[in-house]
Amino acid sequence: MRQYLAAQPRPITIVKTYGADGSTHGPSDRQGLERWWRHVIGGAASVRFHRPPSGLGFSAKAEAAIRSARLLEEQAKFWELTPALERLRYRVENEAFATVKPGRALVIYFTDGGAIEADLRDFPVDCDVRWLDLSRAAWFRTARVEGGAWTPLLAPAEGSWIALIEPSASSR
């Protein structure tokens, strides 16, 4: 969609994100959540869940997703990021998605755990990785990784996670 709109840029809005257990528009809650997060990571100007039974509405799962997005947005401004799937390698289909502000922030969405390599060649040597548990809408832990190269990254567990990679305070 972004390429299609490149000649005449305008906001991308997602009026309804379908997907809920038993829905004819998406067979599961998980699929609805994954779609919603791909819209957010992909740079949509607005997103929302469709009402039940075709979507998650404002269910507990939808609320956790929205709260998680707000926690992430406090650290990395979505409007400064550009979708960047090319920043990931050794990724299997639907495993992980990325958006970046080169050298400043790389956000990686893991749909269900996983392991990839992230392109941190334009980041300083020391980077912090903050893990956001999307099912609990809570920051989980911070780890240190090396920048300046392709860097292995392993999600903390199964389930949906966001990795926020930024230069460490000592590198800024």
C-alpha atoms as a PDB file:
ATOM      1  CA  MET A   1       0.000   0.000   0.000  1.00  0.00           C
ATOM      2  CA  ARG A   2       2.844   2.400   0.859  1.00  0.00           C
ATOM      3  CA  GLN A   3       4.398   1.857  -2.577  1.00  0.00           C
ATOM      4  CA  TYR A   4       1.028   2.350  -4.248  1.00  0.00           C
ATOM      5  CA  LEU A   5       0.587   5.699  -2.460  1.00  0.00           C
ATOM      6  CA  ALA A   6       4.179   6.886  -2.953  1.00  0.00           C
ATOM      7  CA  ALA A   7       3.325   9.113  -5.938  1.00  0.00           C
ATOM      8  CA  GLN A   8       0.573  10.881  -3.971  1.00  0.00           C
ATOM      9  CA  PRO A   9       1.324  10.283  -0.267  1.00  0.00           C
ATOM     10  CA  ARG A  10      -1.546  10.321   2.194  1.00  0.00           C
ATOM     11  CA  PRO A  11      -2.333   8.604   5.486  1.00  0.00           C
ATOM     12  CA  ILE A  12      -3.221   4.935   5.494  1.00  0.00           C
ATOM     13  CA  THR A  13      -6.180   4.242   7.750  1.00  0.00           C
ATOM     14  CA  ILE A  14      -7.483   0.862   8.765  1.00  0.00           C
ATOM     15  CA  VAL A  15     -11.180   1.261   9.442  1.00  0.00           C
ATOM     16  CA  LYS A  16     -11.732  -2.309  10.672  1.00  0.00           C
ATOM     17  CA  THR A  17      -9.313  -5.044  11.668  1.00  0.00           C
ATOM     18  CA  TYR A  18     -11.124  -8.330  11.303  1.00  0.00           C
ATOM     19  CA  GLY A  19     -10.311 -11.565  13.091  1.00  0.00           C
ATOM     20  CA  ALA A  20     -11.872 -13.271  16.095  1.00  0.00           C
ATOM     21  CA  ASP A  21     -12.543 -16.801  17.246  1.00  0.00           C
ATOM     22  CA  GLY A  22     -15.421 -18.141  15.181  1.00  0.00           C
ATOM     23  CA  SER A  23     -15.654 -15.156  12.825  1.00  0.00           C
ATOM     24  CA  THR A  24     -16.253 -15.630   9.131  1.00  0.00           C
ATOM     25  CA  HIS A  25     -13.803 -12.739   8.433  1.00  0.00           C
ATOM     26  CA  GLY A  26     -10.843 -14.237  10.262  1.00  0.00           C
ATOM     27  CA  PRO A  27     -10.768 -17.538  12.014  1.00  0.00           C
ATOM     28  CA  SER A  28      -9.109 -16.560  15.296  1.00  0.00           C
ATOM     29  CA  ASP A  29      -8.372 -13.936  17.917  1.00  0.00           C
ATOM     30  CA  ARG A  30      -4.682 -14.496  17.227  1.00  0.00           C
ATOM     31  CA  GLN A  31      -5.131 -13.676  13.540  1.00  0.00           C
ATOM     32  CA  GLY A  32      -6.990 -10.465  14.460  1.00  0.00           C
ATOM     33  CA  LEU A  33      -4.187  -9.422  16.815  1.00  0.00           C
ATOM     34  CA  GLU A  34      -1.488 -10.227  14.277  1.00  0.00           C
ATOM     35  CA  ARG A  35      -3.294  -8.202  11.606  1.00  0.00           C
ATOM     36  CA  TRP A  36      -3.673  -5.256  13.991  1.00  0.00           C
ATOM     37  CA  TRP A  37       0.025  -5.285  14.921  1.00  0.00           C
ATOM     38  CA  ARG A  38       1.081  -5.557  11.253  1.00  0.00           C
ATOM     39  CA  HIS A  39      -1.020  -2.445  10.571  1.00  0.00           C
ATOM     40  CA  VAL A  40       0.706  -0.597  13.457  1.00  0.00           C
ATOM     41  CA  ILE A  41       4.203  -1.761  12.477  1.00  0.00           C
ATOM     42  CA  GLY A  42       3.406  -1.046   8.826  1.00  0.00           C
ATOM     43  CA  GLY A  43       2.789   2.620   9.567  1.00  0.00           C
ATOM     44  CA  ALA A  44      -0.991   2.962   9.390  1.00  0.00           C
ATOM     45  CA  ALA A  45      -2.161   6.364  10.612  1.00  0.00           C
ATOM     46  CA  SER A  46      -5.077   4.785  12.451  1.00  0.00           C
ATOM     47  CA  VAL A  47      -6.147   1.260  13.319  1.00  0.00           C
ATOM     48  CA  ARG A  48      -8.999  -0.305  15.242  1.00  0.00           C
ATOM     49  CA  PHE A  49     -10.531  -3.681  15.930  1.00  0.00           C
ATOM     50  CA  HIS A  50     -13.888  -4.449  14.346  1.00  0.00           C
ATOM     51  CA  ARG A  51     -16.739  -5.131  16.770  1.00  0.00           C
ATOM     52  CA  PRO A  52     -17.616  -8.730  17.694  1.00  0.00           C
ATOM     53  CA  PRO A  53     -18.289 -11.204  16.351  1.00  0.00           C
ATOM     54  CA  SER A  54     -16.158 -10.224  13.330  1.00  0.00           C
ATOM     55  CA  GLY A  55     -13.383  -8.653  15.412  1.00  0.00           C
ATOM     56  CA  LEU A  56     -12.086  -8.278  18.937  1.00  0.00           C
ATOM     57  CA  GLY A  57     -13.873  -4.997  19.711  1.00  0.00           C
ATOM     58  CA  PHE A  58     -12.603  -3.723  23.056  1.00  0.00           C
ATOM     59  CA  SER A  59     -12.019  -7.145  24.579  1.00  0.00           C
ATOM     60  CA  ALA A  60      -9.259  -7.839  27.107  1.00  0.00           C
ATOM     61  CA  LYS A  61      -6.954  -8.959  24.265  1.00  0.00           C
ATOM     62  CA  ALA A  62      -7.647  -5.799  22.255  1.00  0.00           C
ATOM     63  CA  GLU A  63      -7.114  -3.662  25.351  1.00  0.00           C
ATOM     64  CA  ALA A  64      -3.718  -5.319  25.980  1.00  0.00           C
ATOM     65  CA  ALA A  65      -2.718  -4.609  22.364  1.00  0.00           C
ATOM     66  CA  ILE A  66      -3.744  -0.956  22.611  1.00  0.00           C
ATOM     67  CA  ARG A  67      -1.994  -0.510  25.976  1.00  0.00           C
ATOM     68  CA  SER A  68       1.141  -2.163  24.552  1.00  0.00           C
ATOM     69  CA  ALA A  69       1.112   0.164  21.550  1.00  0.00           C
ATOM     70  CA  ARG A  70       0.866   3.153  23.903  1.00  0.00           C
ATOM     71  CA  LEU A  71       3.809   1.876  25.987  1.00  0.00           C
ATOM     72  CA  LEU A  72       5.846   1.452  22.811  1.00  0.00           C
ATOM     73  CA  GLU A  73       4.844   4.855  21.461  1.00  0.00           C
ATOM     74  CA  GLU A  74       6.182   6.496  24.637  1.00  0.00           C
ATOM     75  CA  GLN A  75       9.628   5.210  23.629  1.00  0.00           C
ATOM     76  CA  ALA A  76       9.552   5.205  19.817  1.00  0.00           C
ATOM     77  CA  LYS A  77       7.345   7.598  17.860  1.00  0.00           C
ATOM     78  CA  PHE A  78       5.561   5.611  15.151  1.00  0.00           C
ATOM     79  CA  TRP A  79       5.451   8.607  12.800  1.00  0.00           C
ATOM     80  CA  GLU A  80       9.277   8.666  12.771  1.00  0.00           C
ATOM     81  CA  LEU A  81       9.566   4.994  11.758  1.00  0.00           C
ATOM     82  CA  THR A  82       9.563   3.330   8.335  1.00  0.00           C
ATOM     83  CA  PRO A  83       8.602  -0.314   7.701  1.00  0.00           C
ATOM     84  CA  ALA A  84      11.799  -2.273   7.128  1.00  0.00           C
ATOM     85  CA  LEU A  85      11.355  -5.992   6.581  1.00  0.00           C
ATOM     86  CA  GLU A  86      14.774  -5.981   4.874  1.00  0.00           C
ATOM     87  CA  ARG A  87      16.289  -5.386   8.354  1.00  0.00           C
ATOM     88  CA  LEU A  88      15.504  -9.006   9.251  1.00  0.00           C
ATOM     89  CA  ARG A  89      17.153 -12.165   8.001  1.00  0.00           C
ATOM     90  CA  TYR A  90      16.685 -15.843   8.759  1.00  0.00           C
ATOM     91  CA  ARG A  91      13.031 -14.969   9.262  1.00  0.00           C
ATOM     92  CA  VAL A  92      10.375 -17.507   8.412  1.00  0.00           C
ATOM     93  CA  GLU A  93       7.051 -16.345   6.972  1.00  0.00           C
ATOM     94  CA  ASN A  94       4.942 -14.384   9.481  1.00  0.00           C
ATOM     95  CA  GLU A  95       7.576 -14.750  12.225  1.00  0.00           C
ATOM     96  CA  ALA A  96       8.674 -11.148  12.611  1.00  0.00           C
ATOM     97  CA  PHE A  97       8.095  -7.656  11.172  1.00  0.00           C
ATOM     98  CA  ALA A  98      10.205  -4.516  11.571  1.00  0.00           C
ATOM     99  CA  THR A  99      10.065  -0.750  11.401  1.00  0.00           C
ATOM    100  CA  VAL A 100      13.047   1.574  11.839  1.00  0.00           C
ATOM    101  CA  LYS A 101      14.456   5.028  12.373  1.00  0.00           C
ATOM    102  CA  PRO A 102      17.987   4.292  11.097  1.00  0.00           C
ATOM    103  CA  GLY A 103      20.630   4.379  13.805  1.00  0.00           C
ATOM    104  CA  ARG A 104      18.085   5.449  16.459  1.00  0.00           C
ATOM    105  CA  ALA A 105      15.341   2.827  16.896  1.00  0.00           C
ATOM    106  CA  LEU A 106      14.452  -0.564  15.458  1.00  0.00           C
ATOM    107  CA  VAL A 107      11.110  -2.084  16.451  1.00  0.00           C
ATOM    108  CA  ILE A 108      10.606  -5.785  15.757  1.00  0.00           C
ATOM    109  CA  TYR A 109       7.241  -7.499  16.220  1.00  0.00           C
ATOM    110  CA  PHE A 110       7.434 -11.261  16.860  1.00  0.00           C
ATOM    111  CA  THR A 111       4.089 -12.966  16.237  1.00  0.00           C
ATOM    112  CA  ASP A 112       4.875 -16.059  18.324  1.00  0.00           C
ATOM    113  CA  GLY A 113       8.395 -16.088  19.696  1.00  0.00           C
ATOM    114  CA  GLY A 114      11.168 -16.832  17.240  1.00  0.00           C
ATOM    115  CA  ALA A 115      14.757 -16.105  16.338  1.00  0.00           C
ATOM    116  CA  ILE A 116      16.064 -13.816  13.607  1.00  0.00           C
ATOM    117  CA  GLU A 117      19.069 -11.653  12.839  1.00  0.00           C
ATOM    118  CA  ALA A 118      18.542  -7.895  12.913  1.00  0.00           C
ATOM    119  CA  ASP A 119      20.511  -5.460  10.762  1.00  0.00           C
ATOM    120  CA  LEU A 120      22.153  -3.105  13.257  1.00  0.00           C
ATOM    121  CA  ARG A 121      24.977  -2.028  10.964  1.00  0.00           C
ATOM    122  CA  ASP A 122      24.025   1.648  11.306  1.00  0.00           C
ATOM    123  CA  PHE A 123      23.672   1.454  15.100  1.00  0.00           C
ATOM    124  CA  PRO A 124      26.463   2.125  17.606  1.00  0.00           C
ATOM    125  CA  VAL A 125      28.397  -0.791  19.057  1.00  0.00           C
ATOM    126  CA  ASP A 126      26.295  -1.041  22.228  1.00  0.00           C
ATOM    127  CA  CYS A 127      22.508  -1.261  21.970  1.00  0.00           C
ATOM    128  CA  ASP A 128      19.769  -1.967  24.473  1.00  0.00           C
ATOM    129  CA  VAL A 129      16.939  -4.347  23.600  1.00  0.00           C
ATOM    130  CA  ARG A 130      13.769  -3.755  25.599  1.00  0.00           C
ATOM    131  CA  TRP A 131      11.218  -6.550  25.415  1.00  0.00           C
ATOM    132  CA  LEU A 132       7.513  -5.727  25.559  1.00  0.00           C
ATOM    133  CA  ASP A 133       5.161  -8.605  26.443  1.00  0.00           C
ATOM    134  CA  LEU A 134       2.127  -7.883  24.286  1.00  0.00           C
ATOM    135  CA  SER A 135      -0.210 -10.266  26.106  1.00  0.00           C
ATOM    136  CA  ARG A 136       0.383  -8.454  29.427  1.00  0.00           C
ATOM    137  CA  ALA A 137       1.035  -4.925  28.098  1.00  0.00           C
ATOM    138  CA  ALA A 138       4.181  -4.732  30.222  1.00  0.00           C
ATOM    139  CA  TRP A 139       7.884  -4.239  29.682  1.00  0.00           C
ATOM    140  CA  PHE A 140       9.579  -7.555  30.408  1.00  0.00           C
ATOM    141  CA  ARG A 141      13.332  -7.006  30.499  1.00  0.00           C
ATOM    142  CA  THR A 142      16.230  -5.151  28.916  1.00  0.00           C
ATOM    143  CA  ALA A 143      19.316  -6.789  27.454  1.00  0.00           C
ATOM    144  CA  ARG A 144      22.474  -5.483  25.791  1.00  0.00           C
ATOM    145  CA  VAL A 145      23.425  -6.482  22.237  1.00  0.00           C
ATOM    146  CA  GLU A 146      26.183  -5.461  19.874  1.00  0.00           C
ATOM    147  CA  GLY A 147      25.342  -3.065  17.084  1.00  0.00           C
ATOM    148  CA  GLY A 148      27.391  -2.386  13.983  1.00  0.00           C
ATOM    149  CA  ALA A 149      26.546  -5.766  12.403  1.00  0.00           C
ATOM    150  CA  TRP A 150      23.840  -8.329  11.770  1.00  0.00           C
ATOM    151  CA  THR A 151      22.905  -9.327  15.305  1.00  0.00           C
ATOM    152  CA  PRO A 152      21.076 -12.490  16.462  1.00  0.00           C
ATOM    153  CA  LEU A 153      17.878 -11.865  18.395  1.00  0.00           C
ATOM    154  CA  LEU A 154      15.775 -14.465  20.216  1.00  0.00           C
ATOM    155  CA  ALA A 155      12.343 -13.640  21.626  1.00  0.00           C
ATOM    156  CA  PRO A 156      12.109 -14.361  25.376  1.00  0.00           C
ATOM    157  CA  ALA A 157       9.360 -16.991  24.967  1.00  0.00           C
ATOM    158  CA  GLU A 158       6.478 -18.071  22.779  1.00  0.00           C
ATOM    159  CA  GLY A 159       3.718 -15.543  22.309  1.00  0.00           C
ATOM    160  CA  SER A 160       3.666 -12.025  20.896  1.00  0.00           C
ATOM    161  CA  TRP A 161       6.592  -9.736  21.686  1.00  0.00           C
ATOM    162  CA  ILE A 162       8.042  -6.414  20.617  1.00  0.00           C
ATOM    163  CA  ALA A 163      11.790  -5.854  20.679  1.00  0.00           C
ATOM    164  CA  LEU A 164      12.732  -2.166  20.864  1.00  0.00           C
ATOM    165  CA  ILE A 165      16.397  -1.715  19.972  1.00  0.00           C
ATOM    166  CA  GLU A 166      18.057   1.628  20.663  1.00  0.00           C
ATOM    167  CA  PRO A 167      21.607   2.846  21.243  1.00  0.00           C
ATOM    168  CA  SER A 168      22.521   2.294  24.888  1.00  0.00           C
ATOM    169  CA  ALA A 169      22.835   5.386  27.069  1.00  0.00           C
ATOM    170  CA  SER A 170      26.641   5.033  26.985  1.00  0.00           C
ATOM    171  CA  SER A 171      26.591   5.127  23.149  1.00  0.00           C
ATOM    172  CA  ARG A 172      24.417   8.220  22.744  1.00  0.00           C
END
